[in-house]
């Protein structure tokens, strides 16, 4: 999906890939350090979604095709992902495509989600719809958000809570700083259906959310 005004691209959730041969050597080293089977499953799905998205964007911008193994996704000192890949025809000497956009990755229940923004800082989140703890609203939502939850998600409280949770997690990823804000520091205002405005510390972010099969997805752009 593409949001044309803010130029955000989302790859639809990508199921667990059958092979890891598309990983670079450094990515394979990271993968081999993950021991929990579900975590390995999710990590691969998220990386695959991001690489497919970056390959599509690279082709749109340059007309060139990349193999997934030519795209390397690493993490910065704060744990945020970034892409290292071949240079496109540069506007400035030495500038590569990976320095021209921001990416974010999420995963849930074996599916991966990736977001890409050529301008600004993006965060994405993906949550499988499921029952949640009864005290979650009190722990993570502001009073105003609880009013929105009651009015906007009648008889769908668990799904509504996960919408707010996903929007707040996406906001934390878009911040790309440490220490991360607490969930109750992040104020979400749902506007028109599928859209939200978010305030955190001194920042204002645009956001969108939606449902795909049994998942809630969200992105936030700073």
Foldseek 3Di string as FASTA:
>chain_A
DADVPQGKDKQPWFFQDPDPPLAEPVVVVVLVVDDDVVVSLFVRQQLVSALVVVQVVCCVVAVDGDRSNQWHWDADPLRFIFIDHDAGPDPDPPDRPRVQKEKEWEGDPRIIMMMIGRDFFKFKYKYFQDDDDPCLCVQQPDPVLVVCLCVPQPVNNSVSSVLLVGALRGVQSSVSDPPTDGNHQKHWDDDPAQWIWIDHDPDIWTKGWDDDVRMIMMMIGD
